């Protein structure tokens, strides 16, 4: 069984037991949360699509880790003008595991 959920403005296709990173949400390591914003639920060839969400469906998540991603560098550069600006950024994330999918 799999589901498509919307968390933090992004959509994820998840299965029970899968581990993935989402945008940072508040919570301690080991705590659980439920997501009610389920856009679709499928099992095998059957697919149940919500309008806009599937009524009564939710996905249980367990927080595994709070962290920061690798640093990305943002460079602004104009040739022959002696103009260079370099900035770095590390995005916060929350690593979660799917514990249950209820349709």
C-alpha atoms as a PDB file:
ATOM      1  CA  UNK A   1       0.000   0.000   0.000  1.00  0.00           C
ATOM      2  CA  UNK A   2       1.233   3.472  -0.818  1.00  0.00           C
ATOM      3  CA  UNK A   3      -0.014   7.024  -0.418  1.00  0.00           C
ATOM      4  CA  UNK A   4       0.693  10.478  -1.812  1.00  0.00           C
ATOM      5  CA  UNK A   5       0.848  13.066   0.981  1.00  0.00           C
ATOM      6  CA  UNK A   6       1.396  16.811   1.011  1.00  0.00           C
ATOM      7  CA  UNK A   7       3.762  18.071   3.723  1.00  0.00           C
ATOM      8  CA  UNK A   8       5.138  21.597   3.784  1.00  0.00           C
ATOM      9  CA  UNK A   9       3.899  22.406   0.274  1.00  0.00           C
ATOM     10  CA  UNK A  10       5.607  19.375  -1.309  1.00  0.00           C
ATOM     11  CA  UNK A  11       4.163  16.026  -2.317  1.00  0.00           C
ATOM     12  CA  UNK A  12       5.705  12.679  -1.399  1.00  0.00           C
ATOM     13  CA  UNK A  13       4.860   9.138  -2.473  1.00  0.00           C
ATOM     14  CA  UNK A  14       5.318   6.998   0.643  1.00  0.00           C
ATOM     15  CA  UNK A  15       5.016   3.368   1.674  1.00  0.00           C
ATOM     16  CA  UNK A  16       4.944   1.824   5.127  1.00  0.00           C
ATOM     17  CA  UNK A  17       8.477   1.698   6.509  1.00  0.00           C
ATOM     18  CA  UNK A  18       9.953   4.197   4.043  1.00  0.00           C
ATOM     19  CA  UNK A  19      12.341   6.867   5.353  1.00  0.00           C
ATOM     20  CA  UNK A  20      12.582  10.320   3.770  1.00  0.00           C
ATOM     21  CA  UNK A  21      13.429  13.945   4.537  1.00  0.00           C
ATOM     22  CA  UNK A  22      10.834  16.713   4.763  1.00  0.00           C
ATOM     23  CA  UNK A  23      11.082  20.397   5.525  1.00  0.00           C
ATOM     24  CA  UNK A  24      11.696  21.028   9.200  1.00  0.00           C
ATOM     25  CA  UNK A  25       8.752  20.578  11.515  1.00  0.00           C
ATOM     26  CA  UNK A  26       8.782  20.964  15.269  1.00  0.00           C
ATOM     27  CA  UNK A  27       9.074  17.790  17.307  1.00  0.00           C
ATOM     28  CA  UNK A  28      11.416  15.714  19.403  1.00  0.00           C
ATOM     29  CA  UNK A  29      13.299  12.663  18.161  1.00  0.00           C
ATOM     30  CA  UNK A  30      11.131   9.581  18.631  1.00  0.00           C
ATOM     31  CA  UNK A  31       7.820  11.451  18.714  1.00  0.00           C
ATOM     32  CA  UNK A  32       5.039  10.655  16.272  1.00  0.00           C
ATOM     33  CA  UNK A  33       2.640  12.725  14.210  1.00  0.00           C
ATOM     34  CA  UNK A  34      -0.168  12.146  11.739  1.00  0.00           C
ATOM     35  CA  UNK A  35      -0.686  13.766   8.363  1.00  0.00           C
ATOM     36  CA  UNK A  36      -4.293  14.194   7.251  1.00  0.00           C
ATOM     37  CA  UNK A  37      -3.418  15.820   3.904  1.00  0.00           C
ATOM     38  CA  UNK A  38      -3.502  12.570   1.866  1.00  0.00           C
ATOM     39  CA  UNK A  39      -4.017  13.192  -1.855  1.00  0.00           C
ATOM     40  CA  UNK A  40      -4.166   9.576  -3.047  1.00  0.00           C
ATOM     41  CA  UNK A  41      -4.076   6.029  -1.675  1.00  0.00           C
ATOM     42  CA  UNK A  42      -3.223   2.997  -3.783  1.00  0.00           C
ATOM     43  CA  UNK A  43      -2.719  -0.732  -3.425  1.00  0.00           C
ATOM     44  CA  UNK A  44      -1.621  -2.811  -6.392  1.00  0.00           C
ATOM     45  CA  UNK A  45      -3.537  -1.695  -9.464  1.00  0.00           C
ATOM     46  CA  UNK A  46      -6.282   0.152  -7.570  1.00  0.00           C
ATOM     47  CA  UNK A  47      -5.884   3.871  -6.854  1.00  0.00           C
ATOM     48  CA  UNK A  48      -8.192   6.092  -4.814  1.00  0.00           C
ATOM     49  CA  UNK A  49      -7.709   9.784  -5.636  1.00  0.00           C
ATOM     50  CA  UNK A  50      -9.151  12.491  -3.393  1.00  0.00           C
ATOM     51  CA  UNK A  51     -10.905  15.660  -4.421  1.00  0.00           C
ATOM     52  CA  UNK A  52      -8.655  17.360  -3.169  1.00  0.00           C
ATOM     53  CA  UNK A  53      -7.926  14.903  -0.310  1.00  0.00           C
ATOM     54  CA  UNK A  54      -9.071  11.386   0.504  1.00  0.00           C
ATOM     55  CA  UNK A  55     -11.705  11.579   3.236  1.00  0.00           C
ATOM     56  CA  UNK A  56     -10.773   9.776   6.441  1.00  0.00           C
ATOM     57  CA  UNK A  57      -7.262   8.832   5.287  1.00  0.00           C
ATOM     58  CA  UNK A  58      -4.155   9.608   7.312  1.00  0.00           C
ATOM     59  CA  UNK A  59      -0.487   8.670   7.460  1.00  0.00           C
ATOM     60  CA  UNK A  60       1.404   8.095  10.710  1.00  0.00           C
ATOM     61  CA  UNK A  61       5.002   9.343  10.865  1.00  0.00           C
ATOM     62  CA  UNK A  62       7.792   8.918  13.418  1.00  0.00           C
ATOM     63  CA  UNK A  63      10.520  11.564  13.718  1.00  0.00           C
ATOM     64  CA  UNK A  64      13.968   9.998  13.436  1.00  0.00           C
ATOM     65  CA  UNK A  65      16.252  13.022  13.260  1.00  0.00           C
ATOM     66  CA  UNK A  66      16.403  16.812  13.056  1.00  0.00           C
ATOM     67  CA  UNK A  67      19.317  18.034  10.964  1.00  0.00           C
ATOM     68  CA  UNK A  68      20.735  20.226   8.258  1.00  0.00           C
ATOM     69  CA  UNK A  69      21.457  19.317   4.645  1.00  0.00           C
ATOM     70  CA  UNK A  70      24.746  19.761   2.817  1.00  0.00           C
ATOM     71  CA  UNK A  71      25.833  23.321   2.137  1.00  0.00           C
ATOM     72  CA  UNK A  72      24.932  24.774  -1.229  1.00  0.00           C
ATOM     73  CA  UNK A  73      26.783  27.760  -2.638  1.00  0.00           C
ATOM     74  CA  UNK A  74      25.027  30.615  -4.423  1.00  0.00           C
ATOM     75  CA  UNK A  75      27.329  32.646  -6.674  1.00  0.00           C
ATOM     76  CA  UNK A  76      26.470  35.920  -8.378  1.00  0.00           C
ATOM     77  CA  UNK A  77      29.014  36.860 -10.997  1.00  0.00           C
ATOM     78  CA  UNK A  78      29.285  39.494 -13.744  1.00  0.00           C
ATOM     79  CA  UNK A  79      32.206  39.107 -16.052  1.00  0.00           C
ATOM     80  CA  UNK A  80      34.639  41.988 -16.645  1.00  0.00           C
ATOM     81  CA  UNK A  81      32.914  44.121 -13.965  1.00  0.00           C
ATOM     82  CA  UNK A  82      34.840  42.869 -10.906  1.00  0.00           C
ATOM     83  CA  UNK A  83      31.547  41.790  -9.328  1.00  0.00           C
ATOM     84  CA  UNK A  84      31.383  38.518  -7.349  1.00  0.00           C
ATOM     85  CA  UNK A  85      29.118  37.586  -4.431  1.00  0.00           C
ATOM     86  CA  UNK A  86      29.279  34.172  -2.785  1.00  0.00           C
ATOM     87  CA  UNK A  87      26.794  32.990  -0.184  1.00  0.00           C
ATOM     88  CA  UNK A  88      26.253  29.608   1.429  1.00  0.00           C
ATOM     89  CA  UNK A  89      23.057  28.044   2.735  1.00  0.00           C
ATOM     90  CA  UNK A  90      22.188  24.897   4.710  1.00  0.00           C
ATOM     91  CA  UNK A  91      18.526  23.883   4.716  1.00  0.00           C
ATOM     92  CA  UNK A  92      16.995  22.423   7.884  1.00  0.00           C
ATOM     93  CA  UNK A  93      15.206  19.094   7.491  1.00  0.00           C
ATOM     94  CA  UNK A  94      13.378  16.454   9.516  1.00  0.00           C
ATOM     95  CA  UNK A  95      13.962  12.772   8.722  1.00  0.00           C
ATOM     96  CA  UNK A  96      10.808  10.706   9.231  1.00  0.00           C
ATOM     97  CA  UNK A  97       9.692   7.077   8.906  1.00  0.00           C
ATOM     98  CA  UNK A  98       6.196   6.033   7.831  1.00  0.00           C
ATOM     99  CA  UNK A  99       4.640   3.870  10.537  1.00  0.00           C
ATOM    100  CA  UNK A 100       1.095   3.434   9.202  1.00  0.00           C
ATOM    101  CA  UNK A 101      -1.175   4.252   6.285  1.00  0.00           C
ATOM    102  CA  UNK A 102      -4.897   4.287   7.084  1.00  0.00           C
ATOM    103  CA  UNK A 103      -7.377   4.606   4.245  1.00  0.00           C
END
